Amino acid sequence: MYAVIKTGGKQYRVSSGEKLRVELLDAQVGTGVQFAEVLAIGEGDSVTVGAPFVAGASVKATVVSQGRGEKVHIFKMRRRKHYRKSQGHRQSYTEVQIDEIVGL
């Protein structure tokens, strides 16, 4: 069984037991979170698609860790104009383990 969830402005296809890195959530390590915005649920050949969300469906997960990703370097330069700009960014994430997909 799998589900397509929406969190942090992105969509993820998840199944029970897998680990997933999502945008930073306001939750402590070890606590449970619930994703209520389920876009689709599928099992085998049968797929239930919501409009926009599947009614009564949710995905339960446990927060495994909080962290920050690799540094992304941004470098801008205009040739022959003596313009150079350097910047860096590290995106925060929350790693969750999917425990259960609650369907209809």
PDB file of N, CA and C in Angstrom:
ATOM      1  N   MET A   1       0.844  -1.173   0.000  1.00  0.00           N
ATOM      2  CA  MET A   1       0.000   0.000   0.000  1.00  0.00           C
ATOM      3  C   MET A   1       0.889   1.236   0.000  1.00  0.00           C
ATOM      4  N   TYR A   2       0.522   2.221  -0.788  1.00  0.00           N
ATOM      5  CA  TYR A   2       1.272   3.466  -0.840  1.00  0.00           C
ATOM      6  C   TYR A   2       0.296   4.638  -0.797  1.00  0.00           C
ATOM      7  N   ALA A   3       0.860   5.806  -0.507  1.00  0.00           N
ATOM      8  CA  ALA A   3       0.060   7.026  -0.473  1.00  0.00           C
ATOM      9  C   ALA A   3       0.902   8.166  -1.025  1.00  0.00           C
ATOM     10  N   VAL A   4       0.230   9.160  -1.568  1.00  0.00           N
ATOM     11  CA  VAL A   4       0.887  10.385  -2.021  1.00  0.00           C
ATOM     12  C   VAL A   4       0.437  11.483  -1.063  1.00  0.00           C
ATOM     13  N   ILE A   5       1.424  12.059  -0.345  1.00  0.00           N
ATOM     14  CA  ILE A   5       1.110  13.088   0.645  1.00  0.00           C
ATOM     15  C   ILE A   5       1.693  14.422   0.203  1.00  0.00           C
ATOM     16  N   LYS A   6       1.147  15.481   0.784  1.00  0.00           N
ATOM     17  CA  LYS A   6       1.628  16.827   0.502  1.00  0.00           C
ATOM     18  C   LYS A   6       2.075  17.450   1.817  1.00  0.00           C
ATOM     19  N   THR A   7       3.332  17.903   1.865  1.00  0.00           N
ATOM     20  CA  THR A   7       3.851  18.600   3.039  1.00  0.00           C
ATOM     21  C   THR A   7       4.989  19.515   2.601  1.00  0.00           C
ATOM     22  N   GLY A   8       5.009  20.699   3.164  1.00  0.00           N
ATOM     23  CA  GLY A   8       6.074  21.641   2.837  1.00  0.00           C
ATOM     24  C   GLY A   8       6.058  22.112   1.396  1.00  0.00           C
ATOM     25  N   GLY A   9       4.888  22.095   0.751  1.00  0.00           N
ATOM     26  CA  GLY A   9       4.799  22.538  -0.624  1.00  0.00           C
ATOM     27  C   GLY A   9       5.258  21.519  -1.645  1.00  0.00           C
ATOM     28  N   LYS A  10       5.564  20.302  -1.205  1.00  0.00           N
ATOM     29  CA  LYS A  10       6.024  19.248  -2.098  1.00  0.00           C
ATOM     30  C   LYS A  10       5.141  18.015  -1.932  1.00  0.00           C
ATOM     31  N   GLN A  11       5.202  17.126  -2.903  1.00  0.00           N
ATOM     32  CA  GLN A  11       4.442  15.889  -2.850  1.00  0.00           C
ATOM     33  C   GLN A  11       5.401  14.717  -2.797  1.00  0.00           C
ATOM     34  N   TYR A  12       5.074  13.723  -1.969  1.00  0.00           N
ATOM     35  CA  TYR A  12       5.916  12.551  -1.782  1.00  0.00           C
ATOM     36  C   TYR A  12       5.071  11.291  -1.892  1.00  0.00           C
ATOM     37  N   ARG A  13       5.624  10.283  -2.555  1.00  0.00           N
ATOM     38  CA  ARG A  13       4.987   8.959  -2.569  1.00  0.00           C
ATOM     39  C   ARG A  13       5.640   8.154  -1.463  1.00  0.00           C
ATOM     40  N   VAL A  14       4.841   7.688  -0.501  1.00  0.00           N
ATOM     41  CA  VAL A  14       5.369   6.997   0.668  1.00  0.00           C
ATOM     42  C   VAL A  14       4.688   5.644   0.820  1.00  0.00           C
ATOM     43  N   SER A  15       5.416   4.740   1.449  1.00  0.00           N
ATOM     44  CA  SER A  15       4.842   3.454   1.834  1.00  0.00           C
ATOM     45  C   SER A  15       5.282   3.156   3.254  1.00  0.00           C
ATOM     46  N   SER A  16       4.633   2.221   3.876  1.00  0.00           N
ATOM     47  CA  SER A  16       4.876   1.932   5.282  1.00  0.00           C
ATOM     48  C   SER A  16       6.284   1.386   5.481  1.00  0.00           C
ATOM     49  N   GLY A  17       6.983   1.927   6.494  1.00  0.00           N
ATOM     50  CA  GLY A  17       8.309   1.451   6.848  1.00  0.00           C
ATOM     51  C   GLY A  17       9.464   2.225   6.252  1.00  0.00           C
ATOM     52  N   GLU A  18       9.228   3.136   5.342  1.00  0.00           N
ATOM     53  CA  GLU A  18      10.341   3.846   4.722  1.00  0.00           C
ATOM     54  C   GLU A  18      10.638   5.154   5.431  1.00  0.00           C
ATOM     55  N   LYS A  19      11.900   5.628   5.277  1.00  0.00           N
ATOM     56  CA  LYS A  19      12.325   6.897   5.851  1.00  0.00           C
ATOM     57  C   LYS A  19      12.305   7.954   4.764  1.00  0.00           C
ATOM     58  N   LEU A  20      12.006   9.186   5.185  1.00  0.00           N
ATOM     59  CA  LEU A  20      11.782  10.258   4.227  1.00  0.00           C
ATOM     60  C   LEU A  20      12.253  11.578   4.824  1.00  0.00           C
ATOM     61  N   ARG A  21      12.927  12.403   4.023  1.00  0.00           N
ATOM     62  CA  ARG A  21      13.323  13.742   4.454  1.00  0.00           C
ATOM     63  C   ARG A  21      12.342  14.752   3.892  1.00  0.00           C
ATOM     64  N   VAL A  22      11.686  15.490   4.788  1.00  0.00           N
ATOM     65  CA  VAL A  22      10.715  16.509   4.385  1.00  0.00           C
ATOM     66  C   VAL A  22      11.190  17.862   4.904  1.00  0.00           C
ATOM     67  N   GLU A  23      10.495  18.910   4.500  1.00  0.00           N
ATOM     68  CA  GLU A  23      10.804  20.246   5.004  1.00  0.00           C
ATOM     69  C   GLU A  23      10.655  20.267   6.529  1.00  0.00           C
ATOM     70  N   LEU A  24      11.313  21.203   7.176  1.00  0.00           N
ATOM     71  CA  LEU A  24      11.367  21.267   8.630  1.00  0.00           C
ATOM     72  C   LEU A  24       9.968  21.320   9.241  1.00  0.00           C
ATOM     73  N   LEU A  25       9.711  20.389  10.174  1.00  0.00           N
ATOM     74  CA  LEU A  25       8.449  20.340  10.909  1.00  0.00           C
ATOM     75  C   LEU A  25       8.706  20.750  12.347  1.00  0.00           C
ATOM     76  N   ASP A  26       7.712  21.335  12.981  1.00  0.00           N
ATOM     77  CA  ASP A  26       7.827  21.765  14.369  1.00  0.00           C
ATOM     78  C   ASP A  26       7.447  20.594  15.273  1.00  0.00           C
ATOM     79  N   ALA A  27       8.373  19.625  15.413  1.00  0.00           N
ATOM     80  CA  ALA A  27       8.132  18.435  16.235  1.00  0.00           C
ATOM     81  C   ALA A  27       9.456  17.966  16.818  1.00  0.00           C
ATOM     82  N   GLN A  28       9.400  17.404  18.000  1.00  0.00           N
ATOM     83  CA  GLN A  28      10.587  16.887  18.666  1.00  0.00           C
ATOM     84  C   GLN A  28      10.920  15.489  18.140  1.00  0.00           C
ATOM     85  N   VAL A  29      12.187  15.105  18.297  1.00  0.00           N
ATOM     86  CA  VAL A  29      12.632  13.775  17.879  1.00  0.00           C
ATOM     87  C   VAL A  29      11.936  12.724  18.744  1.00  0.00           C
ATOM     88  N   GLY A  30      11.376  11.711  18.104  1.00  0.00           N
ATOM     89  CA  GLY A  30      10.688  10.639  18.812  1.00  0.00           C
ATOM     90  C   GLY A  30       9.187  10.811  18.892  1.00  0.00           C
ATOM     91  N   THR A  31       8.692  11.996  18.579  1.00  0.00           N
ATOM     92  CA  THR A  31       7.247  12.209  18.641  1.00  0.00           C
ATOM     93  C   THR A  31       6.599  11.794  17.322  1.00  0.00           C
ATOM     94  N   GLY A  32       5.313  11.596  17.386  1.00  0.00           N
ATOM     95  CA  GLY A  32       4.569  11.200  16.197  1.00  0.00           C
ATOM     96  C   GLY A  32       3.969  12.397  15.492  1.00  0.00           C
ATOM     97  N   VAL A  33       3.936  12.343  14.174  1.00  0.00           N
ATOM     98  CA  VAL A  33       3.283  13.374  13.371  1.00  0.00           C
ATOM     99  C   VAL A  33       2.265  12.693  12.467  1.00  0.00           C
ATOM    100  N   GLN A  34       1.293  13.472  12.043  1.00  0.00           N
ATOM    101  CA  GLN A  34       0.246  12.935  11.190  1.00  0.00           C
ATOM    102  C   GLN A  34       0.078  13.860   9.989  1.00  0.00           C
ATOM    103  N   PHE A  35       0.130  13.278   8.808  1.00  0.00           N
ATOM    104  CA  PHE A  35      -0.065  14.021   7.574  1.00  0.00           C
ATOM    105  C   PHE A  35      -1.503  13.790   7.112  1.00  0.00           C
ATOM    106  N   ALA A  36      -2.308  14.836   7.144  1.00  0.00           N
ATOM    107  CA  ALA A  36      -3.720  14.706   6.800  1.00  0.00           C
ATOM    108  C   ALA A  36      -3.992  15.013   5.334  1.00  0.00           C
ATOM    109  N   GLU A  37      -3.050  15.680   4.660  1.00  0.00           N
ATOM    110  CA  GLU A  37      -3.241  16.035   3.258  1.00  0.00           C
ATOM    111  C   GLU A  37      -2.770  14.882   2.372  1.00  0.00           C
ATOM    112  N   VAL A  38      -3.631  13.889   2.209  1.00  0.00           N
ATOM    113  CA  VAL A  38      -3.336  12.714   1.390  1.00  0.00           C
ATOM    114  C   VAL A  38      -4.001  12.921   0.036  1.00  0.00           C
ATOM    115  N   LEU A  39      -3.195  12.938  -1.027  1.00  0.00           N
ATOM    116  CA  LEU A  39      -3.703  13.201  -2.366  1.00  0.00           C
ATOM    117  C   LEU A  39      -4.206  11.943  -3.060  1.00  0.00           C
ATOM    118  N   ALA A  40      -3.568  10.797  -2.764  1.00  0.00           N
ATOM    119  CA  ALA A  40      -3.966   9.540  -3.400  1.00  0.00           C
ATOM    120  C   ALA A  40      -3.526   8.377  -2.536  1.00  0.00           C
ATOM    121  N   ILE A  41      -4.281   7.283  -2.619  1.00  0.00           N
ATOM    122  CA  ILE A  41      -3.936   6.030  -1.941  1.00  0.00           C
ATOM    123  C   ILE A  41      -4.063   4.919  -2.970  1.00  0.00           C
ATOM    124  N   GLY A  42      -3.055   4.045  -2.994  1.00  0.00           N
ATOM    125  CA  GLY A  42      -3.094   2.952  -3.954  1.00  0.00           C
ATOM    126  C   GLY A  42      -2.651   1.650  -3.329  1.00  0.00           C
ATOM    127  N   GLU A  43      -3.250   0.573  -3.813  1.00  0.00           N
ATOM    128  CA  GLU A  43      -2.862  -0.765  -3.383  1.00  0.00           C
ATOM    129  C   GLU A  43      -3.090  -1.698  -4.567  1.00  0.00           C
ATOM    130  N   GLY A  44      -2.002  -2.206  -5.130  1.00  0.00           N
ATOM    131  CA  GLY A  44      -2.129  -3.045  -6.311  1.00  0.00           C
ATOM    132  C   GLY A  44      -2.595  -2.228  -7.502  1.00  0.00           C
ATOM    133  N   ASP A  45      -3.686  -2.663  -8.123  1.00  0.00           N
ATOM    134  CA  ASP A  45      -4.221  -1.957  -9.281  1.00  0.00           C
ATOM    135  C   ASP A  45      -5.258  -0.902  -8.912  1.00  0.00           C
ATOM    136  N   SER A  46      -5.763  -0.927  -7.686  1.00  0.00           N
ATOM    137  CA  SER A  46      -6.792   0.033  -7.292  1.00  0.00           C
ATOM    138  C   SER A  46      -6.143   1.294  -6.720  1.00  0.00           C
ATOM    139  N   VAL A  47      -6.547   2.433  -7.242  1.00  0.00           N
ATOM    140  CA  VAL A  47      -6.024   3.721  -6.810  1.00  0.00           C
ATOM    141  C   VAL A  47      -7.207   4.629  -6.495  1.00  0.00           C
ATOM    142  N   THR A  48      -7.150   5.278  -5.313  1.00  0.00           N
ATOM    143  CA  THR A  48      -8.163   6.253  -4.926  1.00  0.00           C
ATOM    144  C   THR A  48      -7.531   7.629  -4.967  1.00  0.00           C
ATOM    145  N   VAL A  49      -8.066   8.490  -5.813  1.00  0.00           N
ATOM    146  CA  VAL A  49      -7.534   9.836  -5.975  1.00  0.00           C
ATOM    147  C   VAL A  49      -8.517  10.817  -5.362  1.00  0.00           C
ATOM    148  N   GLY A  50      -7.992  11.737  -4.555  1.00  0.00           N
ATOM    149  CA  GLY A  50      -8.845  12.720  -3.896  1.00  0.00           C
ATOM    150  C   GLY A  50      -9.104  13.929  -4.764  1.00  0.00           C
ATOM    151  N   ALA A  51     -10.050  14.746  -4.335  1.00  0.00           N
ATOM    152  CA  ALA A  51     -10.369  15.970  -5.055  1.00  0.00           C
ATOM    153  C   ALA A  51     -10.552  17.109  -4.071  1.00  0.00           C
ATOM    154  N   PRO A  52      -9.547  17.770  -3.549  1.00  0.00           N
ATOM    155  CA  PRO A  52      -8.120  17.535  -3.765  1.00  0.00           C
ATOM    156  C   PRO A  52      -7.526  16.497  -2.827  1.00  0.00           C
ATOM    157  N   PHE A  53      -8.175  16.196  -1.691  1.00  0.00           N
ATOM    158  CA  PHE A  53      -7.640  15.233  -0.734  1.00  0.00           C
ATOM    159  C   PHE A  53      -8.593  14.062  -0.573  1.00  0.00           C
ATOM    160  N   VAL A  54      -8.040  12.910  -0.188  1.00  0.00           N
ATOM    161  CA  VAL A  54      -8.856  11.729   0.068  1.00  0.00           C
ATOM    162  C   VAL A  54      -9.515  11.902   1.436  1.00  0.00           C
ATOM    163  N   ALA A  55     -10.822  11.810   1.494  1.00  0.00           N
ATOM    164  CA  ALA A  55     -11.558  12.021   2.742  1.00  0.00           C
ATOM    165  C   ALA A  55     -11.306  10.869   3.704  1.00  0.00           C
ATOM    166  N   GLY A  56     -10.966  11.199   4.945  1.00  0.00           N
ATOM    167  CA  GLY A  56     -10.769  10.189   5.973  1.00  0.00           C
ATOM    168  C   GLY A  56      -9.427   9.489   5.945  1.00  0.00           C
ATOM    169  N   ALA A  57      -8.535   9.899   5.072  1.00  0.00           N
ATOM    170  CA  ALA A  57      -7.224   9.244   4.971  1.00  0.00           C
ATOM    171  C   ALA A  57      -6.162  10.085   5.665  1.00  0.00           C
ATOM    172  N   SER A  58      -5.175   9.404   6.249  1.00  0.00           N
ATOM    173  CA  SER A  58      -4.053  10.093   6.869  1.00  0.00           C
ATOM    174  C   SER A  58      -2.858   9.148   6.901  1.00  0.00           C
ATOM    175  N   VAL A  59      -1.694   9.737   7.117  1.00  0.00           N
ATOM    176  CA  VAL A  59      -0.452   8.967   7.204  1.00  0.00           C
ATOM    177  C   VAL A  59       0.194   9.309   8.532  1.00  0.00           C
ATOM    178  N   LYS A  60       0.497   8.282   9.331  1.00  0.00           N
ATOM    179  CA  LYS A  60       1.131   8.478  10.633  1.00  0.00           C
ATOM    180  C   LYS A  60       2.620   8.167  10.511  1.00  0.00           C
ATOM    181  N   ALA A  61       3.437   9.043  11.118  1.00  0.00           N
ATOM    182  CA  ALA A  61       4.889   8.894  11.035  1.00  0.00           C
ATOM    183  C   ALA A  61       5.521   9.275  12.361  1.00  0.00           C
ATOM    184  N   THR A  62       6.782   8.879  12.550  1.00  0.00           N
ATOM    185  CA  THR A  62       7.555   9.208  13.738  1.00  0.00           C
ATOM    186  C   THR A  62       8.780  10.001  13.310  1.00  0.00           C
ATOM    187  N   VAL A  63       9.091  11.085  14.033  1.00  0.00           N
ATOM    188  CA  VAL A  63      10.253  11.913  13.720  1.00  0.00           C
ATOM    189  C   VAL A  63      11.513  11.173  14.169  1.00  0.00           C
ATOM    190  N   VAL A  64      12.415  10.938  13.227  1.00  0.00           N
ATOM    191  CA  VAL A  64      13.664  10.230  13.514  1.00  0.00           C
ATOM    192  C   VAL A  64      14.771  11.220  13.863  1.00  0.00           C
ATOM    193  N   SER A  65      14.907  12.293  13.074  1.00  0.00           N
ATOM    194  CA  SER A  65      15.961  13.270  13.333  1.00  0.00           C
ATOM    195  C   SER A  65      15.605  14.610  12.693  1.00  0.00           C
ATOM    196  N   GLN A  66      16.299  15.637  13.155  1.00  0.00           N
ATOM    197  CA  GLN A  66      16.222  16.975  12.577  1.00  0.00           C
ATOM    198  C   GLN A  66      17.636  17.315  12.128  1.00  0.00           C
ATOM    199  N   GLY A  67      17.765  18.033  11.044  1.00  0.00           N
ATOM    200  CA  GLY A  67      19.112  18.365  10.596  1.00  0.00           C
ATOM    201  C   GLY A  67      19.102  19.424   9.520  1.00  0.00           C
ATOM    202  N   ARG A  68      20.303  19.623   8.964  1.00  0.00           N
ATOM    203  CA  ARG A  68      20.476  20.573   7.875  1.00  0.00           C
ATOM    204  C   ARG A  68      21.214  19.879   6.750  1.00  0.00           C
ATOM    205  N   GLY A  69      20.811  20.182   5.536  1.00  0.00           N
ATOM    206  CA  GLY A  69      21.372  19.538   4.365  1.00  0.00           C
ATOM    207  C   GLY A  69      22.744  20.075   4.000  1.00  0.00           C
ATOM    208  N   GLU A  70      23.240  19.605   2.867  1.00  0.00           N
ATOM    209  CA  GLU A  70      24.524  20.056   2.356  1.00  0.00           C
ATOM    210  C   GLU A  70      24.451  21.526   1.953  1.00  0.00           C
ATOM    211  N   LYS A  71      25.607  22.186   1.998  1.00  0.00           N
ATOM    212  CA  LYS A  71      25.645  23.592   1.643  1.00  0.00           C
ATOM    213  C   LYS A  71      25.578  23.750   0.129  1.00  0.00           C
ATOM    214  N   VAL A  72      24.738  24.673  -0.293  1.00  0.00           N
ATOM    215  CA  VAL A  72      24.621  25.011  -1.704  1.00  0.00           C
ATOM    216  C   VAL A  72      25.320  26.354  -1.902  1.00  0.00           C
ATOM    217  N   HIS A  73      26.277  26.396  -2.826  1.00  0.00           N
ATOM    218  CA  HIS A  73      27.021  27.624  -3.093  1.00  0.00           C
ATOM    219  C   HIS A  73      26.404  28.345  -4.279  1.00  0.00           C
ATOM    220  N   ILE A  74      26.125  29.628  -4.097  1.00  0.00           N
ATOM    221  CA  ILE A  74      25.592  30.467  -5.156  1.00  0.00           C
ATOM    222  C   ILE A  74      26.667  31.487  -5.497  1.00  0.00           C
ATOM    223  N   PHE A  75      27.056  31.540  -6.753  1.00  0.00           N
ATOM    224  CA  PHE A  75      28.090  32.476  -7.180  1.00  0.00           C
ATOM    225  C   PHE A  75      27.595  33.207  -8.421  1.00  0.00           C
ATOM    226  N   LYS A  76      27.560  34.535  -8.334  1.00  0.00           N
ATOM    227  CA  LYS A  76      27.142  35.354  -9.462  1.00  0.00           C
ATOM    228  C   LYS A  76      28.313  36.222  -9.892  1.00  0.00           C
ATOM    229  N   MET A  77      28.473  36.367 -11.194  1.00  0.00           N
ATOM    230  CA  MET A  77      29.577  37.174 -11.706  1.00  0.00           C
ATOM    231  C   MET A  77      29.187  37.804 -13.043  1.00  0.00           C
ATOM    232  N   ARG A  78      29.554  39.042 -13.215  1.00  0.00           N
ATOM    233  CA  ARG A  78      29.405  39.712 -14.503  1.00  0.00           C
ATOM    234  C   ARG A  78      30.815  39.916 -15.056  1.00  0.00           C
ATOM    235  N   ARG A  79      31.065  39.361 -16.186  1.00  0.00           N
ATOM    236  CA  ARG A  79      32.404  39.474 -16.738  1.00  0.00           C
ATOM    237  C   ARG A  79      32.701  40.907 -17.162  1.00  0.00           C
ATOM    238  N   ARG A  80      33.930  41.292 -16.950  1.00  0.00           N
ATOM    239  CA  ARG A  80      34.469  42.603 -17.310  1.00  0.00           C
ATOM    240  C   ARG A  80      33.833  43.761 -16.548  1.00  0.00           C
ATOM    241  N   LYS A  81      33.022  43.504 -15.542  1.00  0.00           N
ATOM    242  CA  LYS A  81      32.354  44.575 -14.795  1.00  0.00           C
ATOM    243  C   LYS A  81      32.812  44.639 -13.346  1.00  0.00           C
ATOM    244  N   HIS A  82      33.691  43.753 -12.950  1.00  0.00           N
ATOM    245  CA  HIS A  82      34.231  43.678 -11.591  1.00  0.00           C
ATOM    246  C   HIS A  82      33.117  43.466 -10.565  1.00  0.00           C
ATOM    247  N   TYR A  83      32.138  42.619 -10.931  1.00  0.00           N
ATOM    248  CA  TYR A  83      31.030  42.303 -10.034  1.00  0.00           C
ATOM    249  C   TYR A  83      31.090  40.818  -9.709  1.00  0.00           C
ATOM    250  N   ARG A  84      31.231  40.508  -8.431  1.00  0.00           N
ATOM    251  CA  ARG A  84      31.199  39.128  -7.961  1.00  0.00           C
ATOM    252  C   ARG A  84      30.408  39.069  -6.671  1.00  0.00           C
ATOM    253  N   LYS A  85      29.553  38.068  -6.563  1.00  0.00           N
ATOM    254  CA  LYS A  85      28.749  37.895  -5.352  1.00  0.00           C
ATOM    255  C   LYS A  85      28.731  36.418  -5.012  1.00  0.00           C
ATOM    256  N   SER A  86      29.057  36.106  -3.773  1.00  0.00           N
ATOM    257  CA  SER A  86      29.076  34.721  -3.328  1.00  0.00           C
ATOM    258  C   SER A  86      28.140  34.580  -2.139  1.00  0.00           C
ATOM    259  N   GLN A  87      27.369  33.493  -2.131  1.00  0.00           N
ATOM    260  CA  GLN A  87      26.397  33.271  -1.077  1.00  0.00           C
ATOM    261  C   GLN A  87      26.252  31.774  -0.871  1.00  0.00           C
ATOM    262  N   GLY A  88      25.867  31.370   0.336  1.00  0.00           N
ATOM    263  CA  GLY A  88      25.643  29.965   0.629  1.00  0.00           C
ATOM    264  C   GLY A  88      24.316  29.766   1.333  1.00  0.00           C
ATOM    265  N   HIS A  89      23.827  28.516   1.288  1.00  0.00           N
ATOM    266  CA  HIS A  89      22.539  28.210   1.913  1.00  0.00           C
ATOM    267  C   HIS A  89      22.529  26.755   2.349  1.00  0.00           C
ATOM    268  N   ARG A  90      22.001  26.493   3.544  1.00  0.00           N
ATOM    269  CA  ARG A  90      21.784  25.133   4.029  1.00  0.00           C
ATOM    270  C   ARG A  90      20.322  25.007   4.412  1.00  0.00           C
ATOM    271  N   GLN A  91      19.617  24.081   3.765  1.00  0.00           N
ATOM    272  CA  GLN A  91      18.196  23.892   4.007  1.00  0.00           C
ATOM    273  C   GLN A  91      17.985  22.949   5.191  1.00  0.00           C
ATOM    274  N   SER A  92      17.101  23.303   6.097  1.00  0.00           N
ATOM    275  CA  SER A  92      16.770  22.449   7.236  1.00  0.00           C
ATOM    276  C   SER A  92      15.776  21.382   6.812  1.00  0.00           C
ATOM    277  N   TYR A  93      15.874  20.213   7.447  1.00  0.00           N
ATOM    278  CA  TYR A  93      14.965  19.124   7.112  1.00  0.00           C
ATOM    279  C   TYR A  93      14.574  18.364   8.370  1.00  0.00           C
ATOM    280  N   THR A  94      13.527  17.566   8.255  1.00  0.00           N
ATOM    281  CA  THR A  94      13.094  16.641   9.288  1.00  0.00           C
ATOM    282  C   THR A  94      13.013  15.265   8.638  1.00  0.00           C
ATOM    283  N   GLU A  95      13.662  14.286   9.243  1.00  0.00           N
ATOM    284  CA  GLU A  95      13.604  12.925   8.729  1.00  0.00           C
ATOM    285  C   GLU A  95      12.539  12.162   9.510  1.00  0.00           C
ATOM    286  N   VAL A  96      11.586  11.589   8.793  1.00  0.00           N
ATOM    287  CA  VAL A  96      10.488  10.857   9.422  1.00  0.00           C
ATOM    288  C   VAL A  96      10.464   9.427   8.905  1.00  0.00           C
ATOM    289  N   GLN A  97       9.956   8.548   9.748  1.00  0.00           N
ATOM    290  CA  GLN A  97       9.738   7.152   9.342  1.00  0.00           C
ATOM    291  C   GLN A  97       8.232   6.916   9.297  1.00  0.00           C
ATOM    292  N   ILE A  98       7.767   6.435   8.154  1.00  0.00           N
ATOM    293  CA  ILE A  98       6.352   6.215   7.953  1.00  0.00           C
ATOM    294  C   ILE A  98       5.932   4.943   8.709  1.00  0.00           C
ATOM    295  N   ASP A  99       4.976   5.093   9.621  1.00  0.00           N
ATOM    296  CA  ASP A  99       4.530   3.978  10.435  1.00  0.00           C
ATOM    297  C   ASP A  99       3.300   3.300   9.847  1.00  0.00           C
ATOM    298  N   GLU A 100       2.328   4.093   9.451  1.00  0.00           N
ATOM    299  CA  GLU A 100       1.041   3.517   9.082  1.00  0.00           C
ATOM    300  C   GLU A 100       0.318   4.432   8.097  1.00  0.00           C
ATOM    301  N   ILE A 101      -0.353   3.809   7.142  1.00  0.00           N
ATOM    302  CA  ILE A 101      -1.204   4.545   6.203  1.00  0.00           C
ATOM    303  C   ILE A 101      -2.645   4.163   6.535  1.00  0.00           C
ATOM    304  N   VAL A 102      -3.412   5.137   6.987  1.00  0.00           N
ATOM    305  CA  VAL A 102      -4.796   4.900   7.357  1.00  0.00           C
ATOM    306  C   VAL A 102      -5.665   5.281   6.175  1.00  0.00           C
ATOM    307  N   GLY A 103      -6.322   4.286   5.583  1.00  0.00           N
ATOM    308  CA  GLY A 103      -7.134   4.532   4.397  1.00  0.00           C
ATOM    309  C   GLY A 103      -8.579   4.814   4.761  1.00  0.00           C
ATOM    310  N   LEU A 104      -9.452   4.453   3.847  1.00  0.00           N
ATOM    311  CA  LEU A 104     -10.874   4.712   4.043  1.00  0.00           C
ATOM    312  C   LEU A 104     -11.499   3.813   5.082  1.00  0.00           C
TER     313      LEU A 104
END
